[in-house]
Amino acid sequence: MLGTWKTRLVAGLAVAALAAVAALTAAAQSSASISCTGFLPPGFYGDTIEVPAGADCESPGGVIIHAGVIVNEGGTFVLGSEDSPGPLSFIYGAFRANNAANIQLHFMTLIGGLFILGGSGPFGGPFGVTWNTIEDSKILGDTFIIGYDGFWQGFIRNHTRGNVNLLNNVVADPDGNEVVTNSIHGNLNCSGNDPAPQVGDSGGSPNLVYGARIGGQCVGL
């Protein structure tokens, strides 16, 4: 009975995430948006930043985005650098990616939740291989990363005020799905990931989870 309950919970969370992304994307697309292809300069953006299908949008940081971000199929969005904090960035409104190739967020604050659903396979895009990395960031709202199928993925050194849901992410690199050194003020839900969420070679420390660990893959994280 317990296993059935957990399976239903995971399925319910996935369906809820899909419905939320569909609703949020429709709402954002009904308002003004700025199409980003290439370089996104530092500055203030009052409208939604939208990355068209297959496009590449990269910024060194120092951006304030007032109405969220949408990354469409096969798109790439890179904000900041893992090498140094640089100018900090803020995104108000949800960050939504649908079958994107690469989502790389560093040293930023997101107020509105993170929704990354699906991927576009392990190869292709501007870097030849694809990867998600959410690092050194603050997330106010729930995080859903579901069904990503890129080459590598990491969720590292983040501070969240909401639940973190990592479901059915199957990446090519056996060192992928690194989930480490996070402070999660909510639940951590891990299920169906391959490889299972791990420390990998990051050299990091276990996550601080102030809610419940849901799913067998979260035990020991």
N, C-alpha and C. Protein backbone atom coordinates (compact mmCIF):
# COMPACT_ATOMS: atom_id res chain seq x y z
N MET A 1 0.82 -1.21 0.00
CA MET A 1 0.00 0.00 0.00
C MET A 1 0.86 1.26 0.00
N LEU A 2 1.98 1.23 0.77
CA LEU A 2 2.84 2.40 0.85
C LEU A 2 3.46 2.71 -0.51
N GLY A 3 3.93 1.65 -1.21
CA GLY A 3 4.51 1.86 -2.53
C GLY A 3 3.50 2.44 -3.49
N THR A 4 2.26 1.94 -3.45
CA THR A 4 1.21 2.47 -4.31
C THR A 4 0.93 3.92 -4.01
N TRP A 5 0.93 4.28 -2.75
CA TRP A 5 0.69 5.68 -2.35
C TRP A 5 1.79 6.58 -2.88
N LYS A 6 3.04 6.12 -2.78
CA LYS A 6 4.16 6.93 -3.27
C LYS A 6 4.09 7.08 -4.78
N THR A 7 3.74 6.00 -5.48
CA THR A 7 3.63 6.06 -6.94
C THR A 7 2.58 7.07 -7.35
N ARG A 8 1.43 7.05 -6.66
CA ARG A 8 0.36 7.99 -6.97
C ARG A 8 0.78 9.42 -6.67
N LEU A 9 1.54 9.61 -5.58
CA LEU A 9 2.01 10.94 -5.23
C LEU A 9 2.93 11.49 -6.31
N VAL A 10 3.89 10.67 -6.76
CA VAL A 10 4.83 11.11 -7.80
C VAL A 10 4.10 11.42 -9.08
N ALA A 11 3.17 10.55 -9.47
CA ALA A 11 2.41 10.79 -10.70
C ALA A 11 1.59 12.06 -10.58
N GLY A 12 1.00 12.27 -9.40
CA GLY A 12 0.21 13.49 -9.20
C GLY A 12 1.04 14.75 -9.28
N LEU A 13 2.26 14.69 -8.73
CA LEU A 13 3.15 15.85 -8.80
C LEU A 13 3.54 16.15 -10.24
N ALA A 14 3.82 15.12 -11.02
CA ALA A 14 4.20 15.32 -12.42
C ALA A 14 3.06 15.94 -13.21
N VAL A 15 1.84 15.44 -13.01
CA VAL A 15 0.68 15.99 -13.71
C VAL A 15 0.46 17.44 -13.29
N ALA A 16 0.60 17.72 -12.00
CA ALA A 16 0.42 19.08 -11.51
C ALA A 16 1.45 20.02 -12.12
N ALA A 17 2.68 19.56 -12.25
CA ALA A 17 3.73 20.40 -12.85
C ALA A 17 3.43 20.69 -14.30
N LEU A 18 3.01 19.67 -15.05
CA LEU A 18 2.67 19.87 -16.46
C LEU A 18 1.53 20.87 -16.61
N ALA A 19 0.51 20.75 -15.78
CA ALA A 19 -0.62 21.67 -15.85
C ALA A 19 -0.20 23.08 -15.49
N ALA A 20 0.66 23.20 -14.48
CA ALA A 20 1.12 24.53 -14.06
C ALA A 20 1.93 25.20 -15.15
N VAL A 21 2.83 24.45 -15.78
CA VAL A 21 3.66 25.02 -16.85
C VAL A 21 2.79 25.44 -18.03
N ALA A 22 1.81 24.62 -18.39
CA ALA A 22 0.93 24.97 -19.51
C ALA A 22 0.18 26.26 -19.21
N ALA A 23 -0.34 26.38 -18.00
CA ALA A 23 -1.10 27.58 -17.65
C ALA A 23 -0.22 28.81 -17.59
N LEU A 24 0.97 28.66 -16.98
CA LEU A 24 1.87 29.79 -16.86
C LEU A 24 2.39 30.24 -18.22
N THR A 25 2.71 29.29 -19.08
CA THR A 25 3.21 29.62 -20.41
C THR A 25 2.15 30.33 -21.23
N ALA A 26 0.92 29.85 -21.16
CA ALA A 26 -0.17 30.49 -21.89
C ALA A 26 -0.38 31.92 -21.40
N ALA A 27 -0.32 32.11 -20.08
CA ALA A 27 -0.49 33.45 -19.53
C ALA A 27 0.62 34.38 -19.96
N ALA A 28 1.87 33.87 -19.95
CA ALA A 28 2.99 34.71 -20.34
C ALA A 28 2.94 35.06 -21.81
N GLN A 29 2.57 34.09 -22.66
CA GLN A 29 2.55 34.33 -24.09
C GLN A 29 1.41 35.26 -24.50
N SER A 30 0.41 35.41 -23.63
CA SER A 30 -0.68 36.32 -23.93
C SER A 30 -0.29 37.77 -23.64
N SER A 31 0.82 37.97 -22.90
CA SER A 31 1.30 39.31 -22.60
C SER A 31 2.56 39.57 -23.44
N ALA A 32 3.18 40.72 -23.22
CA ALA A 32 4.35 41.10 -24.01
C ALA A 32 5.53 40.20 -23.66
N SER A 33 6.34 39.87 -24.66
CA SER A 33 7.55 39.11 -24.42
C SER A 33 8.66 39.64 -25.32
N ILE A 34 9.89 39.42 -24.89
CA ILE A 34 11.07 39.82 -25.63
C ILE A 34 11.77 38.56 -26.11
N SER A 35 11.92 38.42 -27.41
CA SER A 35 12.58 37.25 -27.97
C SER A 35 14.09 37.41 -27.81
N CYS A 36 14.74 36.39 -27.25
CA CYS A 36 16.18 36.44 -27.03
C CYS A 36 16.87 35.40 -27.89
N THR A 37 17.71 35.85 -28.79
CA THR A 37 18.58 34.97 -29.57
C THR A 37 19.97 35.59 -29.54
N GLY A 38 20.92 34.87 -29.00
CA GLY A 38 22.27 35.40 -28.91
C GLY A 38 22.55 35.97 -27.53
N PHE A 39 22.97 37.24 -27.48
CA PHE A 39 23.44 37.86 -26.24
C PHE A 39 22.33 38.65 -25.58
N LEU A 40 22.15 38.43 -24.27
CA LEU A 40 21.20 39.20 -23.47
C LEU A 40 21.99 40.16 -22.58
N PRO A 41 22.01 41.45 -22.91
CA PRO A 41 22.85 42.39 -22.16
C PRO A 41 22.34 42.58 -20.73
N PRO A 42 23.23 42.98 -19.82
CA PRO A 42 22.78 43.36 -18.48
C PRO A 42 21.77 44.50 -18.57
N GLY A 43 20.82 44.50 -17.62
CA GLY A 43 19.83 45.56 -17.61
C GLY A 43 18.51 45.08 -17.04
N PHE A 44 17.52 45.96 -17.09
CA PHE A 44 16.18 45.67 -16.58
C PHE A 44 15.26 45.33 -17.74
N TYR A 45 14.49 44.24 -17.58
CA TYR A 45 13.54 43.80 -18.61
C TYR A 45 12.17 43.69 -17.96
N GLY A 46 11.24 44.50 -18.42
CA GLY A 46 9.91 44.52 -17.83
C GLY A 46 8.98 43.45 -18.36
N ASP A 47 9.34 42.83 -19.50
CA ASP A 47 8.51 41.81 -20.12
C ASP A 47 9.15 40.43 -19.96
N THR A 48 8.40 39.41 -20.32
CA THR A 48 8.92 38.05 -20.31
C THR A 48 10.05 37.90 -21.32
N ILE A 49 11.13 37.23 -20.93
CA ILE A 49 12.18 36.85 -21.86
C ILE A 49 11.84 35.47 -22.41
N GLU A 50 11.74 35.36 -23.74
CA GLU A 50 11.38 34.09 -24.36
C GLU A 50 12.46 33.67 -25.35
N VAL A 51 12.92 32.43 -25.21
CA VAL A 51 13.91 31.87 -26.12
C VAL A 51 13.17 31.01 -27.14
N PRO A 52 13.23 31.37 -28.43
CA PRO A 52 12.52 30.59 -29.45
C PRO A 52 13.07 29.16 -29.55
N ALA A 53 12.31 28.30 -30.18
CA ALA A 53 12.72 26.91 -30.37
C ALA A 53 14.08 26.87 -31.07
N GLY A 54 15.00 26.10 -30.49
CA GLY A 54 16.32 25.90 -31.08
C GLY A 54 17.27 27.06 -30.94
N ALA A 55 16.88 28.14 -30.30
CA ALA A 55 17.73 29.33 -30.19
C ALA A 55 18.62 29.25 -28.96
N ASP A 56 19.62 30.13 -28.94
CA ASP A 56 20.59 30.21 -27.85
C ASP A 56 20.57 31.62 -27.29
N CYS A 57 20.32 31.74 -25.97
CA CYS A 57 20.27 33.05 -25.29
C CYS A 57 21.23 32.98 -24.11
N GLU A 58 22.24 33.87 -24.09
CA GLU A 58 23.24 33.82 -23.04
C GLU A 58 23.49 35.21 -22.48
N SER A 59 23.68 35.27 -21.15
CA SER A 59 23.93 36.54 -20.47
C SER A 59 25.00 36.33 -19.41
N PRO A 60 25.91 37.31 -19.27
CA PRO A 60 26.91 37.20 -18.20
C PRO A 60 26.35 37.48 -16.82
N GLY A 61 25.11 37.94 -16.75
CA GLY A 61 24.49 38.29 -15.48
C GLY A 61 24.19 39.77 -15.43
N GLY A 62 23.76 40.21 -14.25
CA GLY A 62 23.41 41.61 -14.10
C GLY A 62 22.08 41.96 -14.75
N VAL A 63 21.19 40.98 -14.86
CA VAL A 63 19.88 41.25 -15.44
C VAL A 63 18.82 41.18 -14.34
N ILE A 64 17.79 42.00 -14.50
CA ILE A 64 16.59 41.92 -13.67
C ILE A 64 15.43 41.71 -14.63
N ILE A 65 14.81 40.55 -14.55
CA ILE A 65 13.71 40.19 -15.45
C ILE A 65 12.44 40.18 -14.63
N HIS A 66 11.48 41.00 -15.03
CA HIS A 66 10.32 41.26 -14.19
C HIS A 66 9.17 40.28 -14.41
N ALA A 67 9.13 39.59 -15.57
CA ALA A 67 7.95 38.78 -15.89
C ALA A 67 8.30 37.36 -16.31
N GLY A 68 9.37 36.80 -15.76
CA GLY A 68 9.67 35.40 -15.98
C GLY A 68 10.40 35.12 -17.28
N VAL A 69 10.74 33.83 -17.44
CA VAL A 69 11.48 33.36 -18.62
C VAL A 69 10.79 32.12 -19.17
N ILE A 70 10.73 32.03 -20.51
CA ILE A 70 10.24 30.83 -21.19
C ILE A 70 11.31 30.36 -22.15
N VAL A 71 11.68 29.09 -22.08
CA VAL A 71 12.63 28.50 -23.02
C VAL A 71 11.90 27.40 -23.77
N ASN A 72 11.81 27.55 -25.09
CA ASN A 72 11.06 26.61 -25.91
C ASN A 72 11.93 25.43 -26.37
N GLU A 73 11.33 24.53 -27.09
CA GLU A 73 11.93 23.24 -27.46
C GLU A 73 13.30 23.42 -28.12
N GLY A 74 14.29 22.70 -27.59
CA GLY A 74 15.63 22.74 -28.15
C GLY A 74 16.40 24.00 -27.84
N GLY A 75 15.83 24.90 -27.04
CA GLY A 75 16.47 26.17 -26.74
C GLY A 75 17.52 26.04 -25.64
N THR A 76 18.39 27.05 -25.58
CA THR A 76 19.45 27.12 -24.57
C THR A 76 19.37 28.47 -23.86
N PHE A 77 19.43 28.44 -22.53
CA PHE A 77 19.45 29.67 -21.75
C PHE A 77 20.58 29.55 -20.74
N VAL A 78 21.54 30.48 -20.81
CA VAL A 78 22.68 30.49 -19.90
C VAL A 78 22.71 31.85 -19.20
N LEU A 79 22.72 31.83 -17.89
CA LEU A 79 22.75 33.06 -17.10
C LEU A 79 23.88 32.95 -16.09
N GLY A 80 24.88 33.85 -16.20
CA GLY A 80 26.00 33.85 -15.27
C GLY A 80 27.04 32.80 -15.63
N SER A 81 28.00 32.65 -14.72
CA SER A 81 29.11 31.72 -14.93
C SER A 81 29.40 30.97 -13.64
N GLU A 82 29.78 29.71 -13.77
CA GLU A 82 30.10 28.93 -12.58
C GLU A 82 31.46 29.33 -12.00
N ASP A 83 32.27 30.08 -12.75
CA ASP A 83 33.62 30.41 -12.30
C ASP A 83 33.65 31.54 -11.27
N SER A 84 32.68 32.45 -11.34
CA SER A 84 32.68 33.57 -10.39
C SER A 84 31.27 34.14 -10.29
N PRO A 85 30.94 34.77 -9.13
CA PRO A 85 29.59 35.32 -8.99
C PRO A 85 29.26 36.36 -10.05
N GLY A 86 30.22 37.23 -10.37
CA GLY A 86 29.93 38.27 -11.34
C GLY A 86 28.78 39.14 -10.88
N PRO A 87 28.14 39.86 -11.78
CA PRO A 87 26.96 40.66 -11.40
C PRO A 87 25.76 39.75 -11.15
N LEU A 88 25.11 39.94 -10.01
CA LEU A 88 23.98 39.09 -9.64
C LEU A 88 22.77 39.40 -10.51
N SER A 89 21.89 38.41 -10.63
CA SER A 89 20.69 38.55 -11.46
C SER A 89 19.46 38.17 -10.66
N PHE A 90 18.31 38.73 -11.07
CA PHE A 90 17.04 38.45 -10.42
C PHE A 90 16.00 38.17 -11.49
N ILE A 91 15.23 37.11 -11.29
CA ILE A 91 14.10 36.81 -12.16
C ILE A 91 12.85 36.75 -11.30
N TYR A 92 11.89 37.63 -11.59
CA TYR A 92 10.60 37.63 -10.92
C TYR A 92 9.58 36.98 -11.85
N GLY A 93 8.80 36.05 -11.32
CA GLY A 93 7.92 35.26 -12.17
C GLY A 93 8.59 33.91 -12.45
N ALA A 94 7.82 32.95 -12.85
CA ALA A 94 8.33 31.60 -13.00
C ALA A 94 9.33 31.48 -14.15
N PHE A 95 10.25 30.55 -13.99
CA PHE A 95 11.15 30.14 -15.07
C PHE A 95 10.61 28.83 -15.62
N ARG A 96 10.32 28.81 -16.94
CA ARG A 96 9.65 27.65 -17.54
C ARG A 96 10.43 27.19 -18.77
N ALA A 97 10.81 25.92 -18.80
CA ALA A 97 11.51 25.34 -19.94
C ALA A 97 10.76 24.09 -20.39
N ASN A 98 10.48 24.01 -21.69
CA ASN A 98 9.75 22.88 -22.24
C ASN A 98 10.61 22.20 -23.31
N ASN A 99 11.15 21.02 -22.97
CA ASN A 99 12.00 20.25 -23.89
C ASN A 99 13.20 21.08 -24.35
N ALA A 100 13.78 21.84 -23.44
CA ALA A 100 14.95 22.65 -23.76
C ALA A 100 16.20 21.77 -23.84
N ALA A 101 17.24 22.31 -24.50
CA ALA A 101 18.51 21.59 -24.59
C ALA A 101 19.37 21.84 -23.36
N ASN A 102 19.57 23.11 -23.01
CA ASN A 102 20.45 23.48 -21.91
C ASN A 102 19.81 24.57 -21.06
N ILE A 103 19.80 24.36 -19.75
CA ILE A 103 19.41 25.41 -18.81
C ILE A 103 20.54 25.53 -17.81
N GLN A 104 21.21 26.68 -17.80
CA GLN A 104 22.37 26.87 -16.93
C GLN A 104 22.20 28.18 -16.18
N LEU A 105 21.96 28.07 -14.88
CA LEU A 105 21.68 29.23 -14.04
C LEU A 105 22.70 29.29 -12.91
N HIS A 106 23.38 30.43 -12.78
CA HIS A 106 24.43 30.58 -11.77
C HIS A 106 24.24 31.90 -11.02
N PHE A 107 24.39 31.85 -9.70
CA PHE A 107 24.43 33.05 -8.88
C PHE A 107 23.27 34.00 -9.20
N MET A 108 22.07 33.49 -9.09
CA MET A 108 20.89 34.31 -9.37
C MET A 108 19.81 34.03 -8.34
N THR A 109 18.83 34.93 -8.29
CA THR A 109 17.68 34.77 -7.42
C THR A 109 16.43 34.65 -8.28
N LEU A 110 15.68 33.59 -8.06
CA LEU A 110 14.45 33.34 -8.81
C LEU A 110 13.28 33.40 -7.85
N ILE A 111 12.35 34.29 -8.14
CA ILE A 111 11.19 34.46 -7.28
C ILE A 111 9.96 34.09 -8.10
N GLY A 112 9.51 32.84 -7.96
CA GLY A 112 8.36 32.41 -8.72
C GLY A 112 8.35 30.95 -9.11
N GLY A 113 9.41 30.23 -8.81
CA GLY A 113 9.42 28.80 -9.09
C GLY A 113 10.15 28.45 -10.37
N LEU A 114 10.66 27.21 -10.40
CA LEU A 114 11.45 26.70 -11.52
C LEU A 114 10.78 25.45 -12.07
N PHE A 115 10.48 25.46 -13.38
CA PHE A 115 9.82 24.33 -14.03
C PHE A 115 10.64 23.95 -15.26
N ILE A 116 11.33 22.81 -15.20
CA ILE A 116 12.08 22.30 -16.35
C ILE A 116 11.48 20.94 -16.68
N LEU A 117 10.82 20.88 -17.82
CA LEU A 117 10.12 19.65 -18.21
C LEU A 117 10.67 19.15 -19.53
N GLY A 118 11.15 17.89 -19.52
CA GLY A 118 11.65 17.28 -20.73
C GLY A 118 13.01 17.81 -21.14
N GLY A 119 13.48 17.35 -22.29
CA GLY A 119 14.76 17.76 -22.83
C GLY A 119 14.79 17.50 -24.32
N SER A 120 15.97 17.61 -24.91
CA SER A 120 16.10 17.39 -26.36
C SER A 120 17.22 16.42 -26.69
N GLY A 121 17.52 15.51 -25.74
CA GLY A 121 18.55 14.51 -25.98
C GLY A 121 19.92 14.97 -25.53
N PRO A 122 20.90 14.04 -25.47
CA PRO A 122 22.21 14.36 -24.90
C PRO A 122 23.15 15.12 -25.82
N PHE A 123 22.86 15.19 -27.11
CA PHE A 123 23.79 15.81 -28.04
C PHE A 123 23.10 16.90 -28.86
N GLY A 124 23.90 17.87 -29.30
CA GLY A 124 23.37 18.97 -30.09
C GLY A 124 23.46 20.28 -29.35
N GLY A 125 22.85 21.31 -29.92
CA GLY A 125 22.88 22.62 -29.31
C GLY A 125 24.22 23.30 -29.49
N PRO A 126 24.40 24.46 -28.90
CA PRO A 126 25.62 25.25 -29.14
C PRO A 126 26.89 24.65 -28.55
N PHE A 127 26.76 23.69 -27.63
CA PHE A 127 27.95 23.14 -26.96
C PHE A 127 28.28 21.72 -27.42
N GLY A 128 27.51 21.18 -28.31
CA GLY A 128 27.75 19.82 -28.79
C GLY A 128 27.08 18.77 -27.93
N VAL A 129 27.22 18.90 -26.60
CA VAL A 129 26.48 18.06 -25.65
C VAL A 129 25.58 18.98 -24.84
N THR A 130 24.56 18.42 -24.22
CA THR A 130 23.60 19.23 -23.49
C THR A 130 23.71 18.96 -21.99
N TRP A 131 23.47 20.01 -21.21
CA TRP A 131 23.42 19.80 -19.76
C TRP A 131 22.63 20.91 -19.08
N ASN A 132 22.04 20.53 -17.96
CA ASN A 132 21.40 21.47 -17.05
C ASN A 132 22.30 21.65 -15.84
N THR A 133 22.48 22.86 -15.40
CA THR A 133 23.16 23.10 -14.13
C THR A 133 22.51 24.29 -13.43
N ILE A 134 21.98 24.03 -12.25
CA ILE A 134 21.39 25.06 -11.41
C ILE A 134 22.28 25.15 -10.19
N GLU A 135 23.05 26.24 -10.08
CA GLU A 135 24.09 26.30 -9.05
C GLU A 135 24.10 27.66 -8.34
N ASP A 136 24.42 27.62 -7.06
CA ASP A 136 24.71 28.82 -6.28
C ASP A 136 23.59 29.86 -6.39
N SER A 137 22.36 29.39 -6.37
CA SER A 137 21.23 30.28 -6.61
C SER A 137 20.21 30.18 -5.48
N LYS A 138 19.33 31.19 -5.39
CA LYS A 138 18.23 31.20 -4.45
C LYS A 138 16.93 31.05 -5.24
N ILE A 139 16.10 30.12 -4.81
CA ILE A 139 14.83 29.85 -5.50
C ILE A 139 13.71 29.99 -4.48
N LEU A 140 12.84 30.95 -4.69
CA LEU A 140 11.67 31.14 -3.84
C LEU A 140 10.46 30.62 -4.61
N GLY A 141 10.02 29.44 -4.23
CA GLY A 141 8.96 28.75 -4.95
C GLY A 141 9.39 27.31 -5.19
N ASP A 142 8.47 26.51 -5.67
CA ASP A 142 8.76 25.09 -5.89
C ASP A 142 9.63 24.89 -7.13
N THR A 143 10.42 23.83 -7.10
CA THR A 143 11.25 23.41 -8.23
C THR A 143 10.75 22.08 -8.76
N PHE A 144 10.50 22.02 -10.06
CA PHE A 144 10.16 20.77 -10.75
C PHE A 144 11.14 20.57 -11.89
N ILE A 145 11.93 19.51 -11.83
CA ILE A 145 12.78 19.10 -12.95
C ILE A 145 12.36 17.67 -13.28
N ILE A 146 11.68 17.52 -14.41
CA ILE A 146 11.02 16.26 -14.73
C ILE A 146 11.35 15.83 -16.16
N GLY A 147 11.85 14.62 -16.30
CA GLY A 147 12.01 14.02 -17.62
C GLY A 147 13.13 14.61 -18.45
N TYR A 148 14.15 15.20 -17.81
CA TYR A 148 15.27 15.72 -18.60
C TYR A 148 16.12 14.57 -19.11
N ASP A 149 16.55 14.66 -20.38
CA ASP A 149 17.28 13.55 -21.00
C ASP A 149 18.57 14.02 -21.66
N GLY A 150 19.21 15.03 -21.09
CA GLY A 150 20.46 15.54 -21.62
C GLY A 150 21.64 14.68 -21.23
N PHE A 151 22.85 15.22 -21.44
CA PHE A 151 24.06 14.44 -21.14
C PHE A 151 24.37 14.45 -19.65
N TRP A 152 24.16 15.59 -18.98
CA TRP A 152 24.52 15.73 -17.56
C TRP A 152 23.56 16.70 -16.91
N GLN A 153 23.42 16.57 -15.59
CA GLN A 153 22.57 17.49 -14.86
C GLN A 153 23.07 17.64 -13.43
N GLY A 154 23.01 18.88 -12.91
CA GLY A 154 23.40 19.11 -11.53
C GLY A 154 22.51 20.15 -10.87
N PHE A 155 22.26 19.95 -9.58
CA PHE A 155 21.51 20.90 -8.73
C PHE A 155 22.35 21.07 -7.48
N ILE A 156 23.13 22.18 -7.41
CA ILE A 156 24.26 22.23 -6.48
C ILE A 156 24.33 23.59 -5.78
N ARG A 157 24.48 23.57 -4.46
CA ARG A 157 24.71 24.77 -3.64
C ARG A 157 23.60 25.80 -3.78
N ASN A 158 22.38 25.33 -3.87
CA ASN A 158 21.24 26.24 -3.97
C ASN A 158 20.53 26.37 -2.62
N HIS A 159 19.86 27.49 -2.42
CA HIS A 159 19.01 27.71 -1.25
C HIS A 159 17.58 27.88 -1.76
N THR A 160 16.70 26.98 -1.34
CA THR A 160 15.34 27.01 -1.84
C THR A 160 14.34 27.25 -0.71
N ARG A 161 13.30 27.99 -1.03
CA ARG A 161 12.15 28.15 -0.14
C ARG A 161 10.95 27.54 -0.85
N GLY A 162 10.91 26.23 -0.84
CA GLY A 162 9.87 25.49 -1.54
C GLY A 162 10.32 24.06 -1.72
N ASN A 163 9.44 23.23 -2.25
CA ASN A 163 9.76 21.83 -2.48
C ASN A 163 10.62 21.67 -3.73
N VAL A 164 11.48 20.66 -3.72
CA VAL A 164 12.32 20.33 -4.87
C VAL A 164 11.93 18.94 -5.34
N ASN A 165 11.48 18.84 -6.61
CA ASN A 165 10.99 17.60 -7.18
C ASN A 165 11.85 17.22 -8.38
N LEU A 166 12.57 16.11 -8.26
CA LEU A 166 13.46 15.62 -9.31
C LEU A 166 12.94 14.25 -9.73
N LEU A 167 12.27 14.20 -10.88
CA LEU A 167 11.52 13.01 -11.26
C LEU A 167 11.86 12.57 -12.68
N ASN A 168 12.23 11.30 -12.84
CA ASN A 168 12.36 10.66 -14.16
C ASN A 168 13.37 11.36 -15.06
N ASN A 169 14.45 11.83 -14.47
CA ASN A 169 15.51 12.44 -15.26
C ASN A 169 16.56 11.37 -15.59
N VAL A 170 16.70 11.06 -16.87
CA VAL A 170 17.60 10.00 -17.32
C VAL A 170 18.66 10.64 -18.21
N VAL A 171 19.89 10.76 -17.69
CA VAL A 171 20.96 11.43 -18.41
C VAL A 171 22.03 10.42 -18.82
N ALA A 172 22.82 10.79 -19.84
CA ALA A 172 23.77 9.85 -20.42
C ALA A 172 25.00 9.64 -19.56
N ASP A 173 25.44 10.66 -18.85
CA ASP A 173 26.67 10.58 -18.06
C ASP A 173 26.39 9.88 -16.74
N PRO A 174 27.12 8.78 -16.43
CA PRO A 174 26.89 8.09 -15.15
C PRO A 174 27.23 8.95 -13.94
N ASP A 175 27.93 10.06 -14.16
CA ASP A 175 28.23 10.99 -13.08
C ASP A 175 27.16 12.08 -12.98
N GLY A 176 26.11 11.97 -13.76
CA GLY A 176 25.07 12.99 -13.79
C GLY A 176 24.12 12.91 -12.61
N ASN A 177 23.15 13.82 -12.63
CA ASN A 177 22.16 13.96 -11.56
C ASN A 177 22.83 14.19 -10.20
N GLU A 178 23.81 15.11 -10.19
CA GLU A 178 24.46 15.48 -8.94
C GLU A 178 23.54 16.45 -8.18
N VAL A 179 23.18 16.06 -6.98
CA VAL A 179 22.29 16.87 -6.12
C VAL A 179 22.99 16.98 -4.77
N VAL A 180 23.62 18.12 -4.52
CA VAL A 180 24.55 18.17 -3.39
C VAL A 180 24.69 19.60 -2.87
N THR A 181 24.91 19.71 -1.55
CA THR A 181 25.22 20.97 -0.86
C THR A 181 24.09 21.98 -1.02
N ASN A 182 22.87 21.50 -1.09
CA ASN A 182 21.71 22.39 -1.15
C ASN A 182 21.10 22.57 0.23
N SER A 183 20.46 23.71 0.44
CA SER A 183 19.66 23.96 1.63
C SER A 183 18.21 24.10 1.17
N ILE A 184 17.40 23.09 1.49
CA ILE A 184 16.05 22.99 0.95
C ILE A 184 15.05 23.17 2.08
N HIS A 185 14.36 24.30 2.08
CA HIS A 185 13.34 24.58 3.08
C HIS A 185 12.00 24.11 2.52
N GLY A 186 11.83 22.82 2.49
CA GLY A 186 10.66 22.16 1.92
C GLY A 186 10.99 20.69 1.78
N ASN A 187 10.21 19.98 1.00
CA ASN A 187 10.45 18.56 0.77
C ASN A 187 11.41 18.34 -0.39
N LEU A 188 12.13 17.23 -0.36
CA LEU A 188 12.96 16.78 -1.47
C LEU A 188 12.37 15.47 -1.98
N ASN A 189 11.91 15.48 -3.22
CA ASN A 189 11.23 14.34 -3.81
C ASN A 189 12.05 13.84 -4.99
N CYS A 190 12.56 12.61 -4.90
CA CYS A 190 13.42 12.04 -5.95
C CYS A 190 12.89 10.66 -6.33
N SER A 191 12.58 10.48 -7.62
CA SER A 191 12.06 9.18 -8.06
C SER A 191 12.30 9.00 -9.55
N GLY A 192 12.66 7.80 -9.96
CA GLY A 192 12.76 7.45 -11.37
C GLY A 192 13.94 8.04 -12.10
N ASN A 193 14.93 8.55 -11.37
CA ASN A 193 16.09 9.15 -12.02
C ASN A 193 17.17 8.11 -12.29
N ASP A 194 17.89 8.26 -13.39
CA ASP A 194 18.98 7.35 -13.76
C ASP A 194 20.12 8.17 -14.36
N PRO A 195 21.28 8.19 -13.69
CA PRO A 195 21.55 7.56 -12.40
C PRO A 195 20.76 8.22 -11.27
N ALA A 196 20.68 7.50 -10.15
CA ALA A 196 20.01 8.08 -8.99
C ALA A 196 20.76 9.32 -8.54
N PRO A 197 20.07 10.31 -7.98
CA PRO A 197 20.75 11.50 -7.48
C PRO A 197 21.92 11.13 -6.57
N GLN A 198 23.04 11.83 -6.74
CA GLN A 198 24.29 11.43 -6.10
C GLN A 198 25.18 12.64 -5.85
N VAL A 199 26.23 12.41 -5.06
CA VAL A 199 27.26 13.42 -4.86
C VAL A 199 28.16 13.49 -6.09
N GLY A 200 28.39 12.34 -6.73
CA GLY A 200 29.26 12.29 -7.89
C GLY A 200 30.67 12.71 -7.53
N ASP A 201 31.33 13.41 -8.45
CA ASP A 201 32.70 13.85 -8.18
C ASP A 201 32.75 15.32 -7.76
N SER A 202 31.61 15.85 -7.28
CA SER A 202 31.53 17.27 -6.94
C SER A 202 32.34 17.63 -5.70
N GLY A 203 32.57 16.64 -4.84
CA GLY A 203 33.27 16.93 -3.60
C GLY A 203 32.43 17.72 -2.61
N GLY A 204 31.12 17.75 -2.83
CA GLY A 204 30.23 18.52 -1.98
C GLY A 204 29.81 17.78 -0.73
N SER A 205 28.86 18.38 -0.02
CA SER A 205 28.39 17.81 1.24
C SER A 205 26.92 17.44 1.11
N PRO A 206 26.39 16.64 2.05
CA PRO A 206 24.98 16.26 1.98
C PRO A 206 24.06 17.49 2.02
N ASN A 207 22.89 17.33 1.47
CA ASN A 207 21.91 18.41 1.45
C ASN A 207 21.26 18.58 2.82
N LEU A 208 20.92 19.82 3.15
CA LEU A 208 20.12 20.10 4.33
C LEU A 208 18.67 20.18 3.88
N VAL A 209 17.85 19.25 4.32
CA VAL A 209 16.44 19.19 3.91
C VAL A 209 15.59 19.39 5.16
N TYR A 210 14.83 20.47 5.20
CA TYR A 210 14.06 20.82 6.38
C TYR A 210 12.66 20.21 6.35
N GLY A 211 12.27 19.65 5.21
CA GLY A 211 11.00 18.93 5.11
C GLY A 211 11.27 17.44 5.08
N ALA A 212 10.44 16.72 4.31
CA ALA A 212 10.57 15.27 4.21
C ALA A 212 11.38 14.90 2.96
N ARG A 213 12.05 13.77 3.05
CA ARG A 213 12.66 13.14 1.88
C ARG A 213 11.67 12.10 1.35
N ILE A 214 11.18 12.34 0.14
CA ILE A 214 10.15 11.48 -0.45
C ILE A 214 10.77 10.69 -1.58
N GLY A 215 10.55 9.39 -1.60
CA GLY A 215 11.14 8.55 -2.64
C GLY A 215 12.46 7.96 -2.17
N GLY A 216 12.68 6.68 -2.48
CA GLY A 216 13.87 6.00 -2.00
C GLY A 216 15.16 6.62 -2.47
N GLN A 217 15.15 7.31 -3.59
CA GLN A 217 16.38 7.89 -4.12
C GLN A 217 16.88 9.09 -3.31
N CYS A 218 16.02 9.63 -2.46
CA CYS A 218 16.44 10.78 -1.65
C CYS A 218 17.15 10.37 -0.38
N VAL A 219 17.04 9.12 0.01
CA VAL A 219 17.64 8.68 1.25
C VAL A 219 19.16 8.80 1.14
N GLY A 220 19.76 9.41 2.14
CA GLY A 220 21.20 9.56 2.16
C GLY A 220 21.71 10.78 1.43
N LEU A 221 20.81 11.53 0.77
CA LEU A 221 21.27 12.74 0.08
C LEU A 221 21.45 13.87 1.09
